[in-house]
Amino acid sequence: MSQQVRFAPEASAELEEAARWYEQRHTGLGLAFLAAVDLTVESVVRWPGAGSSTEGLPADLVVRRIRIGRFPYYVAYLVTEEQIHILAIAHDRRRPIYWSSRVDP
């Protein structure tokens, strides 16, 4: 049985904002971004330990990140016994770990 996925409200907002931005640039690109995020989250559900550990956080919090194919974004997530917490849909080159306050130890 796979774990339940829960998006932080901020991560949902980031997802919508990025998809809207891509869609404004080229029709259909926003949908392609959403599809790539879906594939990435499905991968996380299937293999939760596959993402790389995120540096700069307390050692007891294993927050992982996995790149979103085709786009310069990644999914930051925390796996607990109950859920997979999607903490951020973050751009690769902007404000490293700005989302760290979303981790609820």
PDB file of N, CA and C in Angstrom:
ATOM      1  N   MET A   1       0.836  -1.180   0.000  1.00  0.00           N
ATOM      2  CA  MET A   1       0.000   0.000   0.000  1.00  0.00           C
ATOM      3  C   MET A   1       0.883   1.246   0.000  1.00  0.00           C
ATOM      4  N   SER A   2       0.609   2.175  -0.878  1.00  0.00           N
ATOM      5  CA  SER A   2       1.440   3.372  -0.959  1.00  0.00           C
ATOM      6  C   SER A   2       0.986   4.423   0.048  1.00  0.00           C
ATOM      7  N   GLN A   3       1.912   5.286   0.388  1.00  0.00           N
ATOM      8  CA  GLN A   3       1.627   6.328   1.362  1.00  0.00           C
ATOM      9  C   GLN A   3       0.818   7.455   0.737  1.00  0.00           C
ATOM     10  N   GLN A   4       0.080   8.136   1.579  1.00  0.00           N
ATOM     11  CA  GLN A   4      -0.696   9.287   1.151  1.00  0.00           C
ATOM     12  C   GLN A   4       0.251  10.464   0.920  1.00  0.00           C
ATOM     13  N   VAL A   5      -0.037  11.246  -0.102  1.00  0.00           N
ATOM     14  CA  VAL A   5       0.765  12.423  -0.418  1.00  0.00           C
ATOM     15  C   VAL A   5      -0.010  13.661   0.032  1.00  0.00           C
ATOM     16  N   ARG A   6       0.681  14.540   0.730  1.00  0.00           N
ATOM     17  CA  ARG A   6       0.060  15.786   1.186  1.00  0.00           C
ATOM     18  C   ARG A   6       0.939  16.950   0.755  1.00  0.00           C
ATOM     19  N   PHE A   7       0.364  17.878   0.009  1.00  0.00           N
ATOM     20  CA  PHE A   7       1.076  19.078  -0.418  1.00  0.00           C
ATOM     21  C   PHE A   7       0.906  20.159   0.643  1.00  0.00           C
ATOM     22  N   ALA A   8       2.003  20.785   1.035  1.00  0.00           N
ATOM     23  CA  ALA A   8       1.896  21.978   1.869  1.00  0.00           C
ATOM     24  C   ALA A   8       1.157  23.035   1.055  1.00  0.00           C
ATOM     25  N   PRO A   9       0.348  23.870   1.691  1.00  0.00           N
ATOM     26  CA  PRO A   9      -0.375  24.898   0.937  1.00  0.00           C
ATOM     27  C   PRO A   9       0.552  25.759   0.079  1.00  0.00           C
ATOM     28  N   GLU A  10       1.741  26.052   0.592  1.00  0.00           N
ATOM     29  CA  GLU A  10       2.699  26.857  -0.158  1.00  0.00           C
ATOM     30  C   GLU A  10       3.194  26.121  -1.394  1.00  0.00           C
ATOM     31  N   ALA A  11       3.378  24.798  -1.269  1.00  0.00           N
ATOM     32  CA  ALA A  11       3.825  23.996  -2.416  1.00  0.00           C
ATOM     33  C   ALA A  11       2.747  23.979  -3.496  1.00  0.00           C
ATOM     34  N   SER A  12       1.497  23.874  -3.087  1.00  0.00           N
ATOM     35  CA  SER A  12       0.390  23.931  -4.058  1.00  0.00           C
ATOM     36  C   SER A  12       0.370  25.271  -4.777  1.00  0.00           C
ATOM     37  N   ALA A  13       0.586  26.343  -4.024  1.00  0.00           N
ATOM     38  CA  ALA A  13       0.610  27.684  -4.626  1.00  0.00           C
ATOM     39  C   ALA A  13       1.785  27.824  -5.597  1.00  0.00           C
ATOM     40  N   GLU A  14       2.942  27.273  -5.226  1.00  0.00           N
ATOM     41  CA  GLU A  14       4.104  27.321  -6.113  1.00  0.00           C
ATOM     42  C   GLU A  14       3.846  26.553  -7.401  1.00  0.00           C
ATOM     43  N   LEU A  15       3.190  25.416  -7.271  1.00  0.00           N
ATOM     44  CA  LEU A  15       2.862  24.597  -8.439  1.00  0.00           C
ATOM     45  C   LEU A  15       1.944  25.370  -9.383  1.00  0.00           C
ATOM     46  N   GLU A  16       0.906  25.965  -8.843  1.00  0.00           N
ATOM     47  CA  GLU A  16      -0.036  26.731  -9.663  1.00  0.00           C
ATOM     48  C   GLU A  16       0.644  27.931 -10.326  1.00  0.00           C
ATOM     49  N   GLU A  17       1.465  28.629  -9.557  1.00  0.00           N
ATOM     50  CA  GLU A  17       2.150  29.814 -10.082  1.00  0.00           C
ATOM     51  C   GLU A  17       3.096  29.450 -11.230  1.00  0.00           C
ATOM     52  N   ALA A  18       3.876  28.393 -11.049  1.00  0.00           N
ATOM     53  CA  ALA A  18       4.826  27.983 -12.092  1.00  0.00           C
ATOM     54  C   ALA A  18       4.084  27.500 -13.336  1.00  0.00           C
ATOM     55  N   ALA A  19       3.021  26.724 -13.146  1.00  0.00           N
ATOM     56  CA  ALA A  19       2.244  26.236 -14.293  1.00  0.00           C
ATOM     57  C   ALA A  19       1.623  27.406 -15.052  1.00  0.00           C
ATOM     58  N   ARG A  20       1.108  28.370 -14.330  1.00  0.00           N
ATOM     59  CA  ARG A  20       0.520  29.554 -14.962  1.00  0.00           C
ATOM     60  C   ARG A  20       1.585  30.328 -15.753  1.00  0.00           C
ATOM     61  N   TRP A  21       2.775  30.482 -15.165  1.00  0.00           N
ATOM     62  CA  TRP A  21       3.862  31.198 -15.826  1.00  0.00           C
ATOM     63  C   TRP A  21       4.236  30.497 -17.133  1.00  0.00           C
ATOM     64  N   TYR A  22       4.405  29.180 -17.080  1.00  0.00           N
ATOM     65  CA  TYR A  22       4.754  28.433 -18.294  1.00  0.00           C
ATOM     66  C   TYR A  22       3.643  28.516 -19.338  1.00  0.00           C
ATOM     67  N   GLU A  23       2.409  28.448 -18.899  1.00  0.00           N
ATOM     68  CA  GLU A  23       1.287  28.494 -19.837  1.00  0.00           C
ATOM     69  C   GLU A  23       1.211  29.858 -20.534  1.00  0.00           C
ATOM     70  N   GLN A  24       1.559  30.918 -19.811  1.00  0.00           N
ATOM     71  CA  GLN A  24       1.563  32.256 -20.410  1.00  0.00           C
ATOM     72  C   GLN A  24       2.667  32.391 -21.454  1.00  0.00           C
ATOM     73  N   ARG A  25       3.734  31.641 -21.300  1.00  0.00           N
ATOM     74  CA  ARG A  25       4.843  31.699 -22.245  1.00  0.00           C
ATOM     75  C   ARG A  25       4.539  30.940 -23.528  1.00  0.00           C
ATOM     76  N   HIS A  26       3.854  29.805 -23.372  1.00  0.00           N
ATOM     77  CA  HIS A  26       3.546  28.971 -24.543  1.00  0.00           C
ATOM     78  C   HIS A  26       2.351  28.077 -24.203  1.00  0.00           C
ATOM     79  N   THR A  27       1.327  28.132 -25.002  1.00  0.00           N
ATOM     80  CA  THR A  27       0.137  27.326 -24.772  1.00  0.00           C
ATOM     81  C   THR A  27       0.505  25.849 -24.698  1.00  0.00           C
ATOM     82  N   GLY A  28       0.055  25.210 -23.649  1.00  0.00           N
ATOM     83  CA  GLY A  28       0.321  23.791 -23.435  1.00  0.00           C
ATOM     84  C   GLY A  28       1.528  23.508 -22.562  1.00  0.00           C
ATOM     85  N   LEU A  29       2.403  24.488 -22.394  1.00  0.00           N
ATOM     86  CA  LEU A  29       3.605  24.261 -21.597  1.00  0.00           C
ATOM     87  C   LEU A  29       3.274  24.155 -20.106  1.00  0.00           C
ATOM     88  N   GLY A  30       2.271  24.885 -19.670  1.00  0.00           N
ATOM     89  CA  GLY A  30       1.841  24.776 -18.276  1.00  0.00           C
ATOM     90  C   GLY A  30       1.311  23.388 -17.971  1.00  0.00           C
ATOM     91  N   LEU A  31       0.541  22.831 -18.905  1.00  0.00           N
ATOM     92  CA  LEU A  31       0.037  21.470 -18.736  1.00  0.00           C
ATOM     93  C   LEU A  31       1.175  20.457 -18.758  1.00  0.00           C
ATOM     94  N   ALA A  32       2.172  20.701 -19.588  1.00  0.00           N
ATOM     95  CA  ALA A  32       3.341  19.820 -19.633  1.00  0.00           C
ATOM     96  C   ALA A  32       4.089  19.861 -18.300  1.00  0.00           C
ATOM     97  N   PHE A  33       4.176  21.038 -17.702  1.00  0.00           N
ATOM     98  CA  PHE A  33       4.816  21.175 -16.394  1.00  0.00           C
ATOM     99  C   PHE A  33       4.041  20.377 -15.342  1.00  0.00           C
ATOM    100  N   LEU A  34       2.713  20.529 -15.338  1.00  0.00           N
ATOM    101  CA  LEU A  34       1.888  19.790 -14.376  1.00  0.00           C
ATOM    102  C   LEU A  34       2.047  18.279 -14.555  1.00  0.00           C
ATOM    103  N   ALA A  35       2.098  17.826 -15.804  1.00  0.00           N
ATOM    104  CA  ALA A  35       2.289  16.398 -16.074  1.00  0.00           C
ATOM    105  C   ALA A  35       3.653  15.924 -15.570  1.00  0.00           C
ATOM    106  N   ALA A  36       4.679  16.741 -15.747  1.00  0.00           N
ATOM    107  CA  ALA A  36       6.019  16.376 -15.271  1.00  0.00           C
ATOM    108  C   ALA A  36       6.048  16.301 -13.749  1.00  0.00           C
ATOM    109  N   VAL A  37       5.351  17.210 -13.091  1.00  0.00           N
ATOM    110  CA  VAL A  37       5.274  17.170 -11.621  1.00  0.00           C
ATOM    111  C   VAL A  37       4.538  15.908 -11.180  1.00  0.00           C
ATOM    112  N   ASP A  38       3.440  15.571 -11.848  1.00  0.00           N
ATOM    113  CA  ASP A  38       2.709  14.341 -11.517  1.00  0.00           C
ATOM    114  C   ASP A  38       3.606  13.117 -11.619  1.00  0.00           C
ATOM    115  N   LEU A  39       4.380  13.035 -12.698  1.00  0.00           N
ATOM    116  CA  LEU A  39       5.298  11.905 -12.862  1.00  0.00           C
ATOM    117  C   LEU A  39       6.342  11.863 -11.750  1.00  0.00           C
ATOM    118  N   THR A  40       6.825  13.026 -11.373  1.00  0.00           N
ATOM    119  CA  THR A  40       7.834  13.101 -10.317  1.00  0.00           C
ATOM    120  C   THR A  40       7.251  12.655  -8.982  1.00  0.00           C
ATOM    121  N   VAL A  41       6.046  13.118  -8.665  1.00  0.00           N
ATOM    122  CA  VAL A  41       5.409  12.720  -7.409  1.00  0.00           C
ATOM    123  C   VAL A  41       5.101  11.220  -7.418  1.00  0.00           C
ATOM    124  N   GLU A  42       4.663  10.691  -8.540  1.00  0.00           N
ATOM    125  CA  GLU A  42       4.433   9.245  -8.652  1.00  0.00           C
ATOM    126  C   GLU A  42       5.726   8.472  -8.386  1.00  0.00           C
ATOM    127  N   SER A  43       6.830   8.994  -8.877  1.00  0.00           N
ATOM    128  CA  SER A  43       8.133   8.378  -8.649  1.00  0.00           C
ATOM    129  C   SER A  43       8.484   8.398  -7.160  1.00  0.00           C
ATOM    130  N   VAL A  44       8.200   9.509  -6.504  1.00  0.00           N
ATOM    131  CA  VAL A  44       8.463   9.624  -5.065  1.00  0.00           C
ATOM    132  C   VAL A  44       7.632   8.608  -4.288  1.00  0.00           C
ATOM    133  N   VAL A  45       6.375   8.453  -4.664  1.00  0.00           N
ATOM    134  CA  VAL A  45       5.512   7.482  -3.990  1.00  0.00           C
ATOM    135  C   VAL A  45       6.058   6.073  -4.181  1.00  0.00           C
ATOM    136  N   ARG A  46       6.503   5.778  -5.377  1.00  0.00           N
ATOM    137  CA  ARG A  46       7.023   4.445  -5.683  1.00  0.00           C
ATOM    138  C   ARG A  46       8.352   4.179  -4.986  1.00  0.00           C
ATOM    139  N   TRP A  47       9.245   5.161  -5.003  1.00  0.00           N
ATOM    140  CA  TRP A  47      10.594   5.026  -4.429  1.00  0.00           C
ATOM    141  C   TRP A  47      10.902   6.236  -3.542  1.00  0.00           C
ATOM    142  N   PRO A  48      10.350   6.290  -2.345  1.00  0.00           N
ATOM    143  CA  PRO A  48      10.496   7.477  -1.496  1.00  0.00           C
ATOM    144  C   PRO A  48      11.943   7.815  -1.118  1.00  0.00           C
ATOM    145  N   GLY A  49      12.811   6.842  -1.120  1.00  0.00           N
ATOM    146  CA  GLY A  49      14.201   7.105  -0.754  1.00  0.00           C
ATOM    147  C   GLY A  49      15.088   7.495  -1.912  1.00  0.00           C
ATOM    148  N   ALA A  50      14.514   7.640  -3.084  1.00  0.00           N
ATOM    149  CA  ALA A  50      15.320   7.888  -4.285  1.00  0.00           C
ATOM    150  C   ALA A  50      15.862   9.303  -4.385  1.00  0.00           C
ATOM    151  N   GLY A  51      15.183  10.259  -3.834  1.00  0.00           N
ATOM    152  CA  GLY A  51      15.649  11.642  -3.926  1.00  0.00           C
ATOM    153  C   GLY A  51      16.920  11.850  -3.126  1.00  0.00           C
ATOM    154  N   SER A  52      17.662  12.876  -3.486  1.00  0.00           N
ATOM    155  CA  SER A  52      18.896  13.171  -2.753  1.00  0.00           C
ATOM    156  C   SER A  52      18.584  13.966  -1.497  1.00  0.00           C
ATOM    157  N   SER A  53      19.378  13.752  -0.466  1.00  0.00           N
ATOM    158  CA  SER A  53      19.193  14.483   0.796  1.00  0.00           C
ATOM    159  C   SER A  53      19.484  15.958   0.585  1.00  0.00           C
ATOM    160  N   THR A  54      18.752  16.776   1.308  1.00  0.00           N
ATOM    161  CA  THR A  54      18.937  18.221   1.227  1.00  0.00           C
ATOM    162  C   THR A  54      19.860  18.668   2.341  1.00  0.00           C
ATOM    163  N   GLU A  55      20.916  19.360   1.984  1.00  0.00           N
ATOM    164  CA  GLU A  55      21.869  19.867   2.975  1.00  0.00           C
ATOM    165  C   GLU A  55      21.355  21.171   3.570  1.00  0.00           C
ATOM    166  N   GLY A  56      21.854  21.496   4.761  1.00  0.00           N
ATOM    167  CA  GLY A  56      21.500  22.753   5.394  1.00  0.00           C
ATOM    168  C   GLY A  56      20.325  22.653   6.351  1.00  0.00           C
ATOM    169  N   LEU A  57      19.868  21.429   6.601  1.00  0.00           N
ATOM    170  CA  LEU A  57      18.768  21.200   7.539  1.00  0.00           C
ATOM    171  C   LEU A  57      19.283  20.344   8.683  1.00  0.00           C
ATOM    172  N   PRO A  58      18.573  20.309   9.821  1.00  0.00           N
ATOM    173  CA  PRO A  58      19.022  19.459  10.922  1.00  0.00           C
ATOM    174  C   PRO A  58      19.200  18.013  10.467  1.00  0.00           C
ATOM    175  N   ALA A  59      20.214  17.342  11.023  1.00  0.00           N
ATOM    176  CA  ALA A  59      20.567  15.983  10.602  1.00  0.00           C
ATOM    177  C   ALA A  59      19.443  14.984  10.818  1.00  0.00           C
ATOM    178  N   ASP A  60      18.576  15.236  11.804  1.00  0.00           N
ATOM    179  CA  ASP A  60      17.494  14.283  12.083  1.00  0.00           C
ATOM    180  C   ASP A  60      16.309  14.431  11.127  1.00  0.00           C
ATOM    181  N   LEU A  61      16.342  15.443  10.268  1.00  0.00           N
ATOM    182  CA  LEU A  61      15.284  15.634   9.278  1.00  0.00           C
ATOM    183  C   LEU A  61      15.829  15.289   7.895  1.00  0.00           C
ATOM    184  N   VAL A  62      15.375  14.190   7.363  1.00  0.00           N
ATOM    185  CA  VAL A  62      15.851  13.772   6.050  1.00  0.00           C
ATOM    186  C   VAL A  62      14.852  14.269   5.001  1.00  0.00           C
ATOM    187  N   VAL A  63      15.064  15.501   4.595  1.00  0.00           N
ATOM    188  CA  VAL A  63      14.249  16.081   3.535  1.00  0.00           C
ATOM    189  C   VAL A  63      14.966  15.781   2.230  1.00  0.00           C
ATOM    190  N   ARG A  64      14.229  15.236   1.309  1.00  0.00           N
ATOM    191  CA  ARG A  64      14.814  14.863   0.026  1.00  0.00           C
ATOM    192  C   ARG A  64      14.306  15.786  -1.067  1.00  0.00           C
ATOM    193  N   ARG A  65      15.040  15.783  -2.158  1.00  0.00           N
ATOM    194  CA  ARG A  65      14.636  16.561  -3.324  1.00  0.00           C
ATOM    195  C   ARG A  65      14.867  15.721  -4.568  1.00  0.00           C
ATOM    196  N   ILE A  66      13.973  15.905  -5.514  1.00  0.00           N
ATOM    197  CA  ILE A  66      14.076  15.173  -6.767  1.00  0.00           C
ATOM    198  C   ILE A  66      13.716  16.130  -7.897  1.00  0.00           C
ATOM    199  N   ARG A  67      14.523  16.076  -8.898  1.00  0.00           N
ATOM    200  CA  ARG A  67      14.368  16.991 -10.033  1.00  0.00           C
ATOM    201  C   ARG A  67      13.133  16.644 -10.853  1.00  0.00           C
ATOM    202  N   ILE A  68      12.470  17.693 -11.347  1.00  0.00           N
ATOM    203  CA  ILE A  68      11.319  17.525 -12.229  1.00  0.00           C
ATOM    204  C   ILE A  68      11.856  17.517 -13.652  1.00  0.00           C
ATOM    205  N   GLY A  69      11.637  16.432 -14.363  1.00  0.00           N
ATOM    206  CA  GLY A  69      12.158  16.293 -15.718  1.00  0.00           C
ATOM    207  C   GLY A  69      11.725  17.430 -16.633  1.00  0.00           C
ATOM    208  N   ARG A  70      12.656  17.863 -17.482  1.00  0.00           N
ATOM    209  CA  ARG A  70      12.443  18.877 -18.519  1.00  0.00           C
ATOM    210  C   ARG A  70      12.372  20.316 -18.004  1.00  0.00           C
ATOM    211  N   PHE A  71      12.204  20.513 -16.710  1.00  0.00           N
ATOM    212  CA  PHE A  71      12.038  21.852 -16.157  1.00  0.00           C
ATOM    213  C   PHE A  71      13.075  22.093 -15.059  1.00  0.00           C
ATOM    214  N   PRO A  72      13.477  23.348 -14.857  1.00  0.00           N
ATOM    215  CA  PRO A  72      14.490  23.643 -13.828  1.00  0.00           C
ATOM    216  C   PRO A  72      13.886  23.758 -12.426  1.00  0.00           C
ATOM    217  N   TYR A  73      13.103  22.787 -12.039  1.00  0.00           N
ATOM    218  CA  TYR A  73      12.435  22.749 -10.741  1.00  0.00           C
ATOM    219  C   TYR A  73      12.691  21.411 -10.080  1.00  0.00           C
ATOM    220  N   TYR A  74      12.455  21.368  -8.771  1.00  0.00           N
ATOM    221  CA  TYR A  74      12.532  20.118  -8.033  1.00  0.00           C
ATOM    222  C   TYR A  74      11.398  20.062  -7.020  1.00  0.00           C
ATOM    223  N   VAL A  75      11.104  18.848  -6.574  1.00  0.00           N
ATOM    224  CA  VAL A  75      10.135  18.622  -5.514  1.00  0.00           C
ATOM    225  C   VAL A  75      10.929  18.359  -4.240  1.00  0.00           C
ATOM    226  N   ALA A  76      10.663  19.134  -3.192  1.00  0.00           N
ATOM    227  CA  ALA A  76      11.256  18.892  -1.884  1.00  0.00           C
ATOM    228  C   ALA A  76      10.212  18.158  -1.054  1.00  0.00           C
ATOM    229  N   TYR A  77      10.615  17.054  -0.416  1.00  0.00           N
ATOM    230  CA  TYR A  77       9.635  16.257   0.312  1.00  0.00           C
ATOM    231  C   TYR A  77      10.237  15.606   1.544  1.00  0.00           C
ATOM    232  N   LEU A  78       9.368  15.280   2.479  1.00  0.00           N
ATOM    233  CA  LEU A  78       9.722  14.620   3.724  1.00  0.00           C
ATOM    234  C   LEU A  78       8.828  13.394   3.852  1.00  0.00           C
ATOM    235  N   VAL A  79       9.436  12.251   4.103  1.00  0.00           N
ATOM    236  CA  VAL A  79       8.687  11.007   4.246  1.00  0.00           C
ATOM    237  C   VAL A  79       8.545  10.698   5.732  1.00  0.00           C
ATOM    238  N   THR A  80       7.305  10.484   6.159  1.00  0.00           N
ATOM    239  CA  THR A  80       7.035  10.018   7.521  1.00  0.00           C
ATOM    240  C   THR A  80       6.338   8.663   7.413  1.00  0.00           C
ATOM    241  N   GLU A  81       6.055   8.062   8.542  1.00  0.00           N
ATOM    242  CA  GLU A  81       5.366   6.770   8.514  1.00  0.00           C
ATOM    243  C   GLU A  81       3.976   6.898   7.896  1.00  0.00           C
ATOM    244  N   GLU A  82       3.338   8.034   8.115  1.00  0.00           N
ATOM    245  CA  GLU A  82       1.963   8.213   7.660  1.00  0.00           C
ATOM    246  C   GLU A  82       1.839   8.785   6.252  1.00  0.00           C
ATOM    247  N   GLN A  83       2.756   9.678   5.883  1.00  0.00           N
ATOM    248  CA  GLN A  83       2.565  10.444   4.652  1.00  0.00           C
ATOM    249  C   GLN A  83       3.886  10.808   3.986  1.00  0.00           C
ATOM    250  N   ILE A  84       3.729  11.247   2.756  1.00  0.00           N
ATOM    251  CA  ILE A  84       4.815  11.930   2.060  1.00  0.00           C
ATOM    252  C   ILE A  84       4.392  13.388   1.998  1.00  0.00           C
ATOM    253  N   HIS A  85       5.166  14.245   2.628  1.00  0.00           N
ATOM    254  CA  HIS A  85       4.852  15.672   2.695  1.00  0.00           C
ATOM    255  C   HIS A  85       5.615  16.393   1.582  1.00  0.00           C
ATOM    256  N   ILE A  86       4.892  16.959   0.637  1.00  0.00           N
ATOM    257  CA  ILE A  86       5.522  17.767  -0.407  1.00  0.00           C
ATOM    258  C   ILE A  86       5.656  19.167   0.175  1.00  0.00           C
ATOM    259  N   LEU A  87       6.901  19.566   0.404  1.00  0.00           N
ATOM    260  CA  LEU A  87       7.173  20.842   1.062  1.00  0.00           C
ATOM    261  C   LEU A  87       7.274  21.996   0.078  1.00  0.00           C
ATOM    262  N   ALA A  88       7.773  21.712  -1.124  1.00  0.00           N
ATOM    263  CA  ALA A  88       7.983  22.799  -2.089  1.00  0.00           C
ATOM    264  C   ALA A  88       8.071  22.257  -3.505  1.00  0.00           C
ATOM    265  N   ILE A  89       7.646  23.088  -4.422  1.00  0.00           N
ATOM    266  CA  ILE A  89       7.920  22.925  -5.847  1.00  0.00           C
ATOM    267  C   ILE A  89       8.824  24.126  -6.132  1.00  0.00           C
ATOM    268  N   ALA A  90      10.122  23.886  -6.096  1.00  0.00           N
ATOM    269  CA  ALA A  90      11.088  24.980  -6.054  1.00  0.00           C
ATOM    270  C   ALA A  90      11.957  25.036  -7.309  1.00  0.00           C
ATOM    271  N   HIS A  91      12.316  26.246  -7.688  1.00  0.00           N
ATOM    272  CA  HIS A  91      13.204  26.467  -8.821  1.00  0.00           C
ATOM    273  C   HIS A  91      14.622  26.087  -8.405  1.00  0.00           C
ATOM    274  N   ASP A  92      15.345  25.439  -9.308  1.00  0.00           N
ATOM    275  CA  ASP A  92      16.714  24.987  -9.020  1.00  0.00           C
ATOM    276  C   ASP A  92      17.670  26.113  -8.645  1.00  0.00           C
ATOM    277  N   ARG A  93      17.485  27.266  -9.234  1.00  0.00           N
ATOM    278  CA  ARG A  93      18.493  28.323  -9.108  1.00  0.00           C
ATOM    279  C   ARG A  93      18.053  29.528  -8.291  1.00  0.00           C
ATOM    280  N   ARG A  94      16.951  29.408  -7.592  1.00  0.00           N
ATOM    281  CA  ARG A  94      16.459  30.548  -6.812  1.00  0.00           C
ATOM    282  C   ARG A  94      16.370  30.193  -5.333  1.00  0.00           C
ATOM    283  N   ARG A  95      16.803  31.062  -4.499  1.00  0.00           N
ATOM    284  CA  ARG A  95      16.653  30.988  -3.048  1.00  0.00           C
ATOM    285  C   ARG A  95      16.761  29.576  -2.466  1.00  0.00           C
ATOM    286  N   PRO A  96      17.961  29.056  -2.339  1.00  0.00           N
ATOM    287  CA  PRO A  96      18.124  27.694  -1.812  1.00  0.00           C
ATOM    288  C   PRO A  96      17.425  27.511  -0.459  1.00  0.00           C
ATOM    289  N   ILE A  97      16.779  26.423  -0.306  1.00  0.00           N
ATOM    290  CA  ILE A  97      16.009  25.954   0.849  1.00  0.00           C
ATOM    291  C   ILE A  97      15.205  27.049   1.582  1.00  0.00           C
ATOM    292  N   TYR A  98      14.669  27.996   0.846  1.00  0.00           N
ATOM    293  CA  TYR A  98      13.795  29.029   1.417  1.00  0.00           C
ATOM    294  C   TYR A  98      12.593  28.402   2.128  1.00  0.00           C
ATOM    295  N   TRP A  99      12.255  27.202   1.747  1.00  0.00           N
ATOM    296  CA  TRP A  99      11.079  26.504   2.232  1.00  0.00           C
ATOM    297  C   TRP A  99      11.333  25.730   3.531  1.00  0.00           C
ATOM    298  N   SER A 100      12.537  25.825   4.093  1.00  0.00           N
ATOM    299  CA  SER A 100      12.910  24.998   5.250  1.00  0.00           C
ATOM    300  C   SER A 100      12.001  25.222   6.464  1.00  0.00           C
ATOM    301  N   SER A 101      11.383  26.376   6.581  1.00  0.00           N
ATOM    302  CA  SER A 101      10.490  26.632   7.715  1.00  0.00           C
ATOM    303  C   SER A 101       9.189  25.821   7.613  1.00  0.00           C
ATOM    304  N   ARG A 102       8.949  25.209   6.472  1.00  0.00           N
ATOM    305  CA  ARG A 102       7.745  24.385   6.293  1.00  0.00           C
ATOM    306  C   ARG A 102       7.877  22.999   6.889  1.00  0.00           C
ATOM    307  N   VAL A 103       9.087  22.642   7.301  1.00  0.00           N
ATOM    308  CA  VAL A 103       9.330  21.334   7.895  1.00  0.00           C
ATOM    309  C   VAL A 103       8.807  21.379   9.320  1.00  0.00           C
ATOM    310  N   ASP A 104       7.888  20.461   9.618  1.00  0.00           N
ATOM    311  CA  ASP A 104       7.304  20.393  10.949  1.00  0.00           C
ATOM    312  C   ASP A 104       7.811  19.128  11.626  1.00  0.00           C
ATOM    313  N   PRO A 105       8.923  19.257  12.387  1.00  0.00           N
ATOM    314  CA  PRO A 105       9.550  18.059  12.964  1.00  0.00           C
ATOM    315  C   PRO A 105       8.676  17.311  13.946  1.00  0.00           C
TER     316      PRO A 105
END
